[in-house]
Amino acid sequence: MHNTRAGDSSISGRTHVSAQNTGPSRPTVFYDGSCPLCRREIAHYRRLVSAERLCWVDAANEPEALTRHSLSREPAMAELHVLDAAGRGQRGVDAFLVIWQHLRAYRWLAKLVTILGLRRPLGFAYRHFAAWGYRQHCETGSCTSRAGVRGR
């Protein structure tokens, strides 16, 4: 795993998990709850027995959690973000790896991606897919939170 890319302000490299709602051993997942595909995938993960090992935050409808963790709304809506157990920001495929490592049913996938050196090619594919999905979803006006704030 690595921290967020240099120059990326989506999650501060100094950010640590707040003791308010998570513990140092419980990563926090920030997902776009207004995105139907994202919502379905996260709902699947949350139904798994080991899902309680993660804290789940709907970025579309919990802006105060984003602020508390120095995460900007647009990047959180555009790409999956996780604060890992050490409080380091991860995004994209690295965020998925943190999730999969904490879900018993997906640990094999995290190991496979890592062992086969698939982080970079999957990261490239995910970034392009996520950007396309964000444009399709948010530029149509569907990317609205309960507070009425639109992405982009």
C-alpha atoms as a PDB file:
ATOM      1  CA  MET A   1       0.000   0.000   0.000  1.00  0.00           C
ATOM      2  CA  HIS A   2       1.065   3.546  -0.465  1.00  0.00           C
ATOM      3  CA  ASN A   3      -0.220   6.911   0.588  1.00  0.00           C
ATOM      4  CA  THR A   4      -2.166   9.095  -1.785  1.00  0.00           C
ATOM      5  CA  ARG A   5      -0.239  10.450  -4.727  1.00  0.00           C
ATOM      6  CA  ALA A   6       1.911  13.545  -4.343  1.00  0.00           C
ATOM      7  CA  GLY A   7      -0.035  16.690  -5.055  1.00  0.00           C
ATOM      8  CA  ASP A   8      -3.366  15.009  -4.308  1.00  0.00           C
ATOM      9  CA  SER A   9      -5.348  16.913  -1.720  1.00  0.00           C
ATOM     10  CA  SER A  10      -8.220  14.444  -1.549  1.00  0.00           C
ATOM     11  CA  ILE A  11      -6.955  12.974   1.726  1.00  0.00           C
ATOM     12  CA  SER A  12      -4.189  14.665   3.612  1.00  0.00           C
ATOM     13  CA  GLY A  13      -1.128  12.487   4.161  1.00  0.00           C
ATOM     14  CA  ARG A  14      -1.183  13.652   7.803  1.00  0.00           C
ATOM     15  CA  THR A  15      -4.815  12.714   8.368  1.00  0.00           C
ATOM     16  CA  HIS A  16      -5.500  10.229  11.135  1.00  0.00           C
ATOM     17  CA  VAL A  17      -8.697   8.405  11.915  1.00  0.00           C
ATOM     18  CA  SER A  18     -10.843  10.326  14.347  1.00  0.00           C
ATOM     19  CA  ALA A  19     -11.425   8.586  17.662  1.00  0.00           C
ATOM     20  CA  GLN A  20     -14.957   9.944  17.513  1.00  0.00           C
ATOM     21  CA  ASN A  21     -16.343   7.262  15.226  1.00  0.00           C
ATOM     22  CA  THR A  22     -13.539   4.847  14.430  1.00  0.00           C
ATOM     23  CA  GLY A  23     -10.624   3.232  16.173  1.00  0.00           C
ATOM     24  CA  PRO A  24      -7.032   2.996  14.974  1.00  0.00           C
ATOM     25  CA  SER A  25      -7.626  -0.618  13.919  1.00  0.00           C
ATOM     26  CA  ARG A  26     -10.858   0.096  12.027  1.00  0.00           C
ATOM     27  CA  PRO A  27     -10.372   1.581   8.544  1.00  0.00           C
ATOM     28  CA  THR A  28     -12.912   4.104   7.267  1.00  0.00           C
ATOM     29  CA  VAL A  29     -14.385   3.668   3.781  1.00  0.00           C
ATOM     30  CA  PHE A  30     -15.710   6.774   1.983  1.00  0.00           C
ATOM     31  CA  TYR A  31     -18.033   5.879  -0.899  1.00  0.00           C
ATOM     32  CA  ASP A  32     -20.489   7.699  -3.155  1.00  0.00           C
ATOM     33  CA  GLY A  33     -23.895   6.727  -1.793  1.00  0.00           C
ATOM     34  CA  SER A  34     -25.650   8.590  -4.610  1.00  0.00           C
ATOM     35  CA  CYS A  35     -24.075   6.306  -7.243  1.00  0.00           C
ATOM     36  CA  PRO A  36     -26.248   3.218  -7.854  1.00  0.00           C
ATOM     37  CA  LEU A  37     -23.308   0.958  -8.778  1.00  0.00           C
ATOM     38  CA  CYS A  38     -21.237   2.142  -5.794  1.00  0.00           C
ATOM     39  CA  ARG A  39     -24.200   1.718  -3.453  1.00  0.00           C
ATOM     40  CA  ARG A  40     -24.805  -1.875  -4.650  1.00  0.00           C
ATOM     41  CA  GLU A  41     -21.160  -2.853  -4.257  1.00  0.00           C
ATOM     42  CA  ILE A  42     -20.848  -1.361  -0.770  1.00  0.00           C
ATOM     43  CA  ALA A  43     -24.172  -2.955   0.250  1.00  0.00           C
ATOM     44  CA  HIS A  44     -22.733  -6.316  -0.825  1.00  0.00           C
ATOM     45  CA  TYR A  45     -19.597  -5.781   1.271  1.00  0.00           C
ATOM     46  CA  ARG A  46     -21.623  -4.603   4.268  1.00  0.00           C
ATOM     47  CA  ARG A  47     -23.703  -7.813   4.251  1.00  0.00           C
ATOM     48  CA  LEU A  48     -20.563  -9.890   4.805  1.00  0.00           C
ATOM     49  CA  VAL A  49     -19.852 -11.233   8.288  1.00  0.00           C
ATOM     50  CA  SER A  50     -16.555  -9.370   8.665  1.00  0.00           C
ATOM     51  CA  ALA A  51     -17.912  -5.997   7.451  1.00  0.00           C
ATOM     52  CA  GLU A  52     -17.979  -4.669  11.020  1.00  0.00           C
ATOM     53  CA  ARG A  53     -14.183  -4.454  10.779  1.00  0.00           C
ATOM     54  CA  LEU A  54     -14.681  -1.342   8.639  1.00  0.00           C
ATOM     55  CA  CYS A  55     -16.445   1.969   9.207  1.00  0.00           C
ATOM     56  CA  TRP A  56     -18.636   2.895   6.207  1.00  0.00           C
ATOM     57  CA  VAL A  57     -19.223   6.584   5.349  1.00  0.00           C
ATOM     58  CA  ASP A  58     -21.592   7.725   2.588  1.00  0.00           C
ATOM     59  CA  ALA A  59     -19.703  10.711   1.128  1.00  0.00           C
ATOM     60  CA  ALA A  60     -22.831  11.983  -0.623  1.00  0.00           C
ATOM     61  CA  ASN A  61     -24.859  12.277   2.557  1.00  0.00           C
ATOM     62  CA  GLU A  62     -22.329  12.692   5.365  1.00  0.00           C
ATOM     63  CA  PRO A  63     -20.344  15.836   4.460  1.00  0.00           C
ATOM     64  CA  GLU A  64     -19.412  16.425   8.100  1.00  0.00           C
ATOM     65  CA  ALA A  65     -17.433  13.153   8.083  1.00  0.00           C
ATOM     66  CA  LEU A  66     -15.534  14.312   4.998  1.00  0.00           C
ATOM     67  CA  THR A  67     -14.668  17.603   6.680  1.00  0.00           C
ATOM     68  CA  ARG A  68     -13.607  15.837   9.869  1.00  0.00           C
ATOM     69  CA  HIS A  69     -11.117  13.755   7.864  1.00  0.00           C
ATOM     70  CA  SER A  70      -9.876  16.569   5.555  1.00  0.00           C
ATOM     71  CA  LEU A  71     -11.421  14.913   2.513  1.00  0.00           C
ATOM     72  CA  SER A  72     -12.874  17.090  -0.246  1.00  0.00           C
ATOM     73  CA  ARG A  73     -16.329  16.166  -1.554  1.00  0.00           C
ATOM     74  CA  GLU A  74     -15.566  15.976  -5.277  1.00  0.00           C
ATOM     75  CA  PRO A  75     -12.624  13.526  -5.001  1.00  0.00           C
ATOM     76  CA  ALA A  76     -14.627  11.432  -2.514  1.00  0.00           C
ATOM     77  CA  MET A  77     -17.493  11.227  -4.994  1.00  0.00           C
ATOM     78  CA  ALA A  78     -15.228  10.543  -7.962  1.00  0.00           C
ATOM     79  CA  GLU A  79     -13.158   7.699  -6.519  1.00  0.00           C
ATOM     80  CA  LEU A  80     -13.316   5.276  -3.584  1.00  0.00           C
ATOM     81  CA  HIS A  81     -11.256   6.457  -0.591  1.00  0.00           C
ATOM     82  CA  VAL A  82     -10.195   4.670   2.597  1.00  0.00           C
ATOM     83  CA  LEU A  83      -8.346   5.794   5.687  1.00  0.00           C
ATOM     84  CA  ASP A  84      -6.450   2.631   6.596  1.00  0.00           C
ATOM     85  CA  ALA A  85      -5.912   1.331  10.138  1.00  0.00           C
ATOM     86  CA  ALA A  86      -2.840   3.580  10.514  1.00  0.00           C
ATOM     87  CA  GLY A  87      -4.815   6.639   9.340  1.00  0.00           C
ATOM     88  CA  ARG A  88      -3.117   6.828   5.919  1.00  0.00           C
ATOM     89  CA  GLY A  89      -5.246   7.822   2.949  1.00  0.00           C
ATOM     90  CA  GLN A  90      -5.704   5.249   0.191  1.00  0.00           C
ATOM     91  CA  ARG A  91      -7.761   5.599  -2.953  1.00  0.00           C
ATOM     92  CA  GLY A  92      -8.802   3.605  -5.980  1.00  0.00           C
ATOM     93  CA  VAL A  93      -7.393   0.079  -6.158  1.00  0.00           C
ATOM     94  CA  ASP A  94      -5.340   0.642  -2.993  1.00  0.00           C
ATOM     95  CA  ALA A  95      -8.597   1.495  -1.184  1.00  0.00           C
ATOM     96  CA  PHE A  96     -10.175  -1.712  -2.487  1.00  0.00           C
ATOM     97  CA  LEU A  97      -7.151  -3.667  -1.257  1.00  0.00           C
ATOM     98  CA  VAL A  98      -7.656  -2.305   2.271  1.00  0.00           C
ATOM     99  CA  ILE A  99     -11.336  -3.295   2.138  1.00  0.00           C
ATOM    100  CA  TRP A 100     -10.613  -6.764   0.743  1.00  0.00           C
ATOM    101  CA  GLN A 101      -7.889  -7.393   3.335  1.00  0.00           C
ATOM    102  CA  HIS A 102     -10.454  -6.789   6.088  1.00  0.00           C
ATOM    103  CA  LEU A 103     -13.221  -8.924   4.562  1.00  0.00           C
ATOM    104  CA  ARG A 104     -12.571 -12.652   5.031  1.00  0.00           C
ATOM    105  CA  ALA A 105     -14.342 -13.548   1.778  1.00  0.00           C
ATOM    106  CA  TYR A 106     -12.070 -11.221  -0.230  1.00  0.00           C
ATOM    107  CA  ARG A 107      -8.645 -11.690   1.360  1.00  0.00           C
ATOM    108  CA  TRP A 108      -7.695 -14.095  -1.421  1.00  0.00           C
ATOM    109  CA  LEU A 109      -8.401 -11.377  -3.994  1.00  0.00           C
ATOM    110  CA  ALA A 110      -6.218  -8.839  -2.179  1.00  0.00           C
ATOM    111  CA  LYS A 111      -3.395 -11.394  -2.068  1.00  0.00           C
ATOM    112  CA  LEU A 112      -3.845 -12.317  -5.736  1.00  0.00           C
ATOM    113  CA  VAL A 113      -3.772  -8.681  -6.909  1.00  0.00           C
ATOM    114  CA  THR A 114      -0.671  -8.024  -4.819  1.00  0.00           C
ATOM    115  CA  ILE A 115       1.233 -11.228  -5.677  1.00  0.00           C
ATOM    116  CA  LEU A 116       0.560 -10.925  -9.406  1.00  0.00           C
ATOM    117  CA  GLY A 117       1.569  -7.250  -9.426  1.00  0.00           C
ATOM    118  CA  LEU A 118      -1.826  -6.117 -10.706  1.00  0.00           C
ATOM    119  CA  ARG A 119      -2.120  -2.904  -8.677  1.00  0.00           C
ATOM    120  CA  ARG A 120      -0.832  -0.639 -11.451  1.00  0.00           C
ATOM    121  CA  PRO A 121      -2.855  -2.031 -14.386  1.00  0.00           C
ATOM    122  CA  LEU A 122      -5.998  -2.324 -12.265  1.00  0.00           C
ATOM    123  CA  GLY A 123      -5.372   1.179 -10.909  1.00  0.00           C
ATOM    124  CA  PHE A 124      -5.148   2.532 -14.444  1.00  0.00           C
ATOM    125  CA  ALA A 125      -8.378   0.770 -15.453  1.00  0.00           C
ATOM    126  CA  TYR A 126     -10.190   1.819 -12.263  1.00  0.00           C
ATOM    127  CA  ARG A 127      -9.211   5.495 -12.599  1.00  0.00           C
ATOM    128  CA  HIS A 128     -10.593   5.611 -16.136  1.00  0.00           C
ATOM    129  CA  PHE A 129     -13.749   3.677 -15.229  1.00  0.00           C
ATOM    130  CA  ALA A 130     -14.328   5.826 -12.121  1.00  0.00           C
ATOM    131  CA  ALA A 131     -13.837   9.065 -14.115  1.00  0.00           C
ATOM    132  CA  TRP A 132     -16.284   7.858 -16.767  1.00  0.00           C
ATOM    133  CA  GLY A 133     -18.814   6.795 -14.122  1.00  0.00           C
ATOM    134  CA  TYR A 134     -18.483  10.085 -12.275  1.00  0.00           C
ATOM    135  CA  ARG A 135     -19.096  12.041 -15.483  1.00  0.00           C
ATOM    136  CA  GLN A 136     -22.104   9.882 -16.379  1.00  0.00           C
ATOM    137  CA  HIS A 137     -23.572  10.038 -12.905  1.00  0.00           C
ATOM    138  CA  CYS A 138     -22.730  13.525 -11.659  1.00  0.00           C
ATOM    139  CA  GLU A 139     -22.962  15.558 -14.824  1.00  0.00           C
ATOM    140  CA  THR A 140     -26.560  14.388 -15.281  1.00  0.00           C
ATOM    141  CA  GLY A 141     -27.490  15.930 -11.926  1.00  0.00           C
ATOM    142  CA  SER A 142     -27.887  12.533 -10.226  1.00  0.00           C
ATOM    143  CA  CYS A 143     -24.972  13.204  -7.926  1.00  0.00           C
ATOM    144  CA  THR A 144     -26.971  15.108  -5.316  1.00  0.00           C
ATOM    145  CA  SER A 145     -26.855  14.582  -1.582  1.00  0.00           C
ATOM    146  CA  ARG A 146     -29.783  14.894   0.796  1.00  0.00           C
ATOM    147  CA  ALA A 147     -28.450  18.381   1.522  1.00  0.00           C
ATOM    148  CA  GLY A 148     -28.933  19.236  -2.157  1.00  0.00           C
ATOM    149  CA  VAL A 149     -25.231  19.728  -2.894  1.00  0.00           C
ATOM    150  CA  ARG A 150     -24.191  18.544  -6.351  1.00  0.00           C
ATOM    151  CA  GLY A 151     -20.819  17.138  -7.240  1.00  0.00           C
ATOM    152  CA  ARG A 152     -18.893  19.174  -9.829  1.00  0.00           C
END
